[in-house]
Amino acid sequence: MPGGLEKACHQCISTIASNACFVCALFAFLALPLSMAFTGMKFLEDCPIQPLIPLYLLVGGIIGTLKVSLLLYDSTRMRRLLSKAVVIDDDDDDEYPWRRNVHKYYLHLILSLFLFLWFILGNYWVFSVYLPDFIPPFQHPQGYCDKTLYLFAVGVLALSHTVLALLILGSACVYVCSRGRFAADED
């Protein structure tokens, strides 16, 4: 049955990824990593209390932009294939055409893993100096962080936590529903 589950997951992901709304959502989502990279670059020297915060935004923005761009490329390519009526059929010799491009999926996996670890590091860097001075203190001029930079980083992390929680909740719902359906099919 694992092969059937693998094929069902592939068809589900193919359907979602080829949806025009998904492509539009990816284009809209592209604004976040681009703004992260821009903000990190603009304020690179403006947070001496924790100089890794602008670096977190810059590197996360660049890698995030790469990840979303690859997802956009894959989605538009899949839409093009589906518009040409290239459909995976049960009679196909290769039921899992994604296996031919396994290097691309490893790239997505590596980028996702890097972004997750970078997210954890960003949490540490940003919240280790929670609410720093936003104006350089006279007696300690290195103990501040630009207000725009810091609040943007906190906002990015809050948004990331929200999306991560929704993904976990959605995955749990799909798992529970599929287990219920699988149990009903066995009876």
Protein backbone atom coordinates (compact mmCIF):
# COMPACT_ATOMS: atom_id res chain seq x y z
CA MET A 1 0.00 0.00 0.00
CA PRO A 2 2.91 2.45 0.37
CA GLY A 3 3.10 2.73 -3.43
CA GLY A 4 -0.58 3.69 -3.54
CA LEU A 5 -0.03 6.31 -0.85
CA GLU A 6 2.99 7.65 -2.71
CA LYS A 7 0.99 7.93 -5.94
CA ALA A 8 -1.94 9.59 -4.14
CA CYS A 9 0.41 12.14 -2.53
CA HIS A 10 2.04 12.83 -5.90
CA GLN A 11 -1.34 13.38 -7.59
CA CYS A 12 -2.50 15.64 -4.75
CA ILE A 13 0.65 17.76 -4.88
CA SER A 14 0.49 17.90 -8.68
CA THR A 15 -3.11 19.12 -8.55
CA ILE A 16 -2.34 21.81 -5.99
CA ALA A 17 0.90 22.95 -7.64
CA SER A 18 -0.70 23.23 -11.07
CA ASN A 19 -3.56 25.38 -9.75
CA ALA A 20 -3.52 28.99 -11.02
CA CYS A 21 -4.38 30.30 -7.54
CA PHE A 22 -1.32 28.52 -6.13
CA VAL A 23 0.90 30.19 -8.74
CA CYS A 24 -0.61 33.60 -7.94
CA ALA A 25 -0.11 32.97 -4.21
CA LEU A 26 3.54 32.10 -4.86
CA PHE A 27 4.00 35.36 -6.76
CA ALA A 28 2.47 37.25 -3.84
CA PHE A 29 4.57 35.29 -1.35
CA LEU A 30 7.71 36.20 -3.32
CA ALA A 31 7.37 39.72 -1.88
CA LEU A 32 8.34 38.49 1.61
CA PRO A 33 11.80 37.06 0.86
CA LEU A 34 12.55 39.95 -1.48
CA SER A 35 11.67 42.48 1.21
CA MET A 36 13.72 40.47 3.74
CA ALA A 37 16.78 40.63 1.49
CA PHE A 38 16.26 44.33 0.78
CA THR A 39 15.80 45.19 4.48
CA GLY A 40 18.79 43.11 5.55
CA MET A 41 20.97 44.76 2.93
CA LYS A 42 19.76 48.29 3.69
CA PHE A 43 20.30 47.98 7.46
CA LEU A 44 23.38 45.74 7.40
CA GLU A 45 25.36 48.02 9.73
CA ASP A 46 22.45 49.32 11.84
CA CYS A 47 22.21 46.71 14.60
CA PRO A 48 25.51 46.56 16.49
CA ILE A 49 23.92 44.90 19.54
CA GLN A 50 23.20 41.81 17.38
CA PRO A 51 24.82 42.18 13.93
CA LEU A 52 23.47 38.79 12.85
CA ILE A 53 19.87 40.09 12.62
CA PRO A 54 20.41 41.92 9.29
CA LEU A 55 22.46 38.95 8.08
CA TYR A 56 19.55 36.66 9.01
CA LEU A 57 17.20 38.76 6.90
CA LEU A 58 19.62 39.08 3.98
CA VAL A 59 20.58 35.40 3.69
CA GLY A 60 17.06 34.17 4.49
CA GLY A 61 15.66 36.52 1.87
CA ILE A 62 18.08 35.40 -0.83
CA ILE A 63 17.62 31.68 -0.16
CA GLY A 64 13.84 32.15 0.26
CA THR A 65 13.69 33.96 -3.09
CA LEU A 66 15.58 31.09 -4.70
CA LYS A 67 13.21 28.53 -3.13
CA VAL A 68 10.04 30.37 -4.19
CA SER A 69 11.46 30.95 -7.69
CA LEU A 70 12.11 27.23 -8.08
CA LEU A 71 8.58 26.47 -6.86
CA LEU A 72 7.19 28.97 -9.39
CA TYR A 73 9.22 27.39 -12.17
CA ASP A 74 8.03 23.90 -11.24
CA SER A 75 4.39 25.03 -10.95
CA THR A 76 4.33 26.84 -14.28
CA ARG A 77 6.06 23.89 -15.93
CA MET A 78 3.45 21.54 -14.46
CA ARG A 79 0.63 23.81 -15.68
CA ARG A 80 2.15 23.77 -19.16
CA LEU A 81 2.35 19.96 -19.14
CA LEU A 82 -1.23 19.63 -17.92
CA SER A 83 -2.45 22.07 -20.57
CA LYS A 84 -0.90 19.77 -23.18
CA ALA A 85 -2.93 16.91 -21.64
CA VAL A 86 0.09 15.10 -20.27
CA VAL A 87 -1.59 13.12 -17.55
CA ILE A 88 -0.20 10.38 -15.37
CA ASP A 89 -2.18 7.30 -16.22
CA ASP A 90 -2.41 4.00 -14.35
CA ASP A 91 -1.06 2.27 -17.45
CA ASP A 92 2.13 4.35 -17.57
CA ASP A 93 5.39 2.50 -17.19
CA ASP A 94 6.73 5.34 -15.07
CA GLU A 95 4.01 6.04 -12.51
CA TYR A 96 6.19 8.58 -10.72
CA PRO A 97 7.68 10.97 -13.30
CA TRP A 98 9.19 13.10 -10.51
CA ARG A 99 11.75 10.33 -9.99
CA ARG A 100 13.41 11.37 -13.24
CA ASN A 101 14.16 14.78 -11.69
CA VAL A 102 15.10 13.55 -8.24
CA HIS A 103 18.04 16.00 -8.06
CA LYS A 104 15.57 18.88 -8.18
CA TYR A 105 13.60 17.44 -5.29
CA TYR A 106 16.78 17.01 -3.27
CA LEU A 107 17.55 20.66 -3.99
CA HIS A 108 14.10 21.64 -2.67
CA LEU A 109 14.67 19.46 0.39
CA ILE A 110 18.10 20.97 1.09
CA LEU A 111 16.79 24.53 0.65
CA SER A 112 13.83 23.81 2.93
CA LEU A 113 16.07 22.27 5.58
CA PHE A 114 18.45 25.22 5.40
CA LEU A 115 15.57 27.71 5.69
CA PHE A 116 14.18 25.84 8.70
CA LEU A 117 17.54 25.83 10.48
CA TRP A 118 18.06 29.50 9.54
CA PHE A 119 14.61 30.24 10.99
CA ILE A 120 15.62 28.63 14.29
CA LEU A 121 18.86 30.66 14.36
CA GLY A 122 16.92 33.82 13.50
CA ASN A 123 14.61 33.22 16.46
CA TYR A 124 17.62 32.99 18.74
CA TRP A 125 19.34 36.08 17.32
CA VAL A 126 16.24 38.28 17.33
CA PHE A 127 14.76 37.26 20.65
CA SER A 128 18.10 37.12 22.50
CA VAL A 129 18.07 40.93 22.43
CA TYR A 130 14.30 41.36 22.75
CA LEU A 131 13.37 45.04 22.70
CA PRO A 132 16.81 46.60 22.40
CA ASP A 133 17.34 50.35 22.56
CA PHE A 134 16.26 51.82 19.25
CA ILE A 135 18.30 54.99 19.71
CA PRO A 136 22.04 54.68 20.33
CA PRO A 137 22.65 55.35 24.03
CA PHE A 138 25.22 58.05 24.70
CA GLN A 139 27.27 55.97 27.13
CA HIS A 140 27.15 52.72 25.07
CA PRO A 141 26.74 53.55 21.36
CA GLN A 142 27.01 49.90 20.28
CA GLY A 143 24.01 48.75 22.36
CA TYR A 144 21.16 49.50 19.97
CA CYS A 145 19.34 48.17 16.92
CA ASP A 146 17.46 50.14 14.28
CA LYS A 147 13.75 50.12 15.06
CA THR A 148 12.60 49.40 11.50
CA LEU A 149 15.05 46.52 11.12
CA TYR A 150 14.22 44.94 14.46
CA LEU A 151 10.44 45.24 14.19
CA PHE A 152 10.57 43.90 10.63
CA ALA A 153 12.59 40.88 11.83
CA VAL A 154 10.08 40.25 14.66
CA GLY A 155 7.21 40.57 12.16
CA VAL A 156 8.84 38.09 9.78
CA LEU A 157 9.32 35.62 12.62
CA ALA A 158 5.74 36.08 13.84
CA LEU A 159 4.43 35.48 10.32
CA SER A 160 6.69 32.43 9.97
CA HIS A 161 5.44 31.00 13.26
CA THR A 162 1.85 31.51 12.14
CA VAL A 163 2.39 29.82 8.76
CA LEU A 164 4.28 26.96 10.40
CA ALA A 165 1.46 26.42 12.92
CA LEU A 166 -1.14 26.44 10.12
CA LEU A 167 0.89 23.94 8.09
CA ILE A 168 1.20 21.61 11.08
CA LEU A 169 -2.50 21.94 11.87
CA GLY A 170 -3.47 21.37 8.22
CA SER A 171 -1.18 18.35 7.96
CA ALA A 172 -2.65 16.90 11.13
CA CYS A 173 -6.18 17.37 9.77
CA VAL A 174 -5.27 15.71 6.47
CA TYR A 175 -3.63 12.83 8.33
CA VAL A 176 -6.65 12.29 10.61
CA CYS A 177 -9.06 12.45 7.67
CA SER A 178 -6.98 10.05 5.58
CA ARG A 179 -6.68 7.60 8.47
CA GLY A 180 -10.45 7.70 8.92
CA ARG A 181 -11.02 7.16 5.21
CA PHE A 182 -8.41 4.37 5.08
CA ALA A 183 -10.06 2.64 8.06
CA ALA A 184 -13.48 2.97 6.41
CA ASP A 185 -12.13 1.51 3.15
CA GLU A 186 -10.74 -1.54 4.98
CA ASP A 187 -14.14 -2.36 6.53
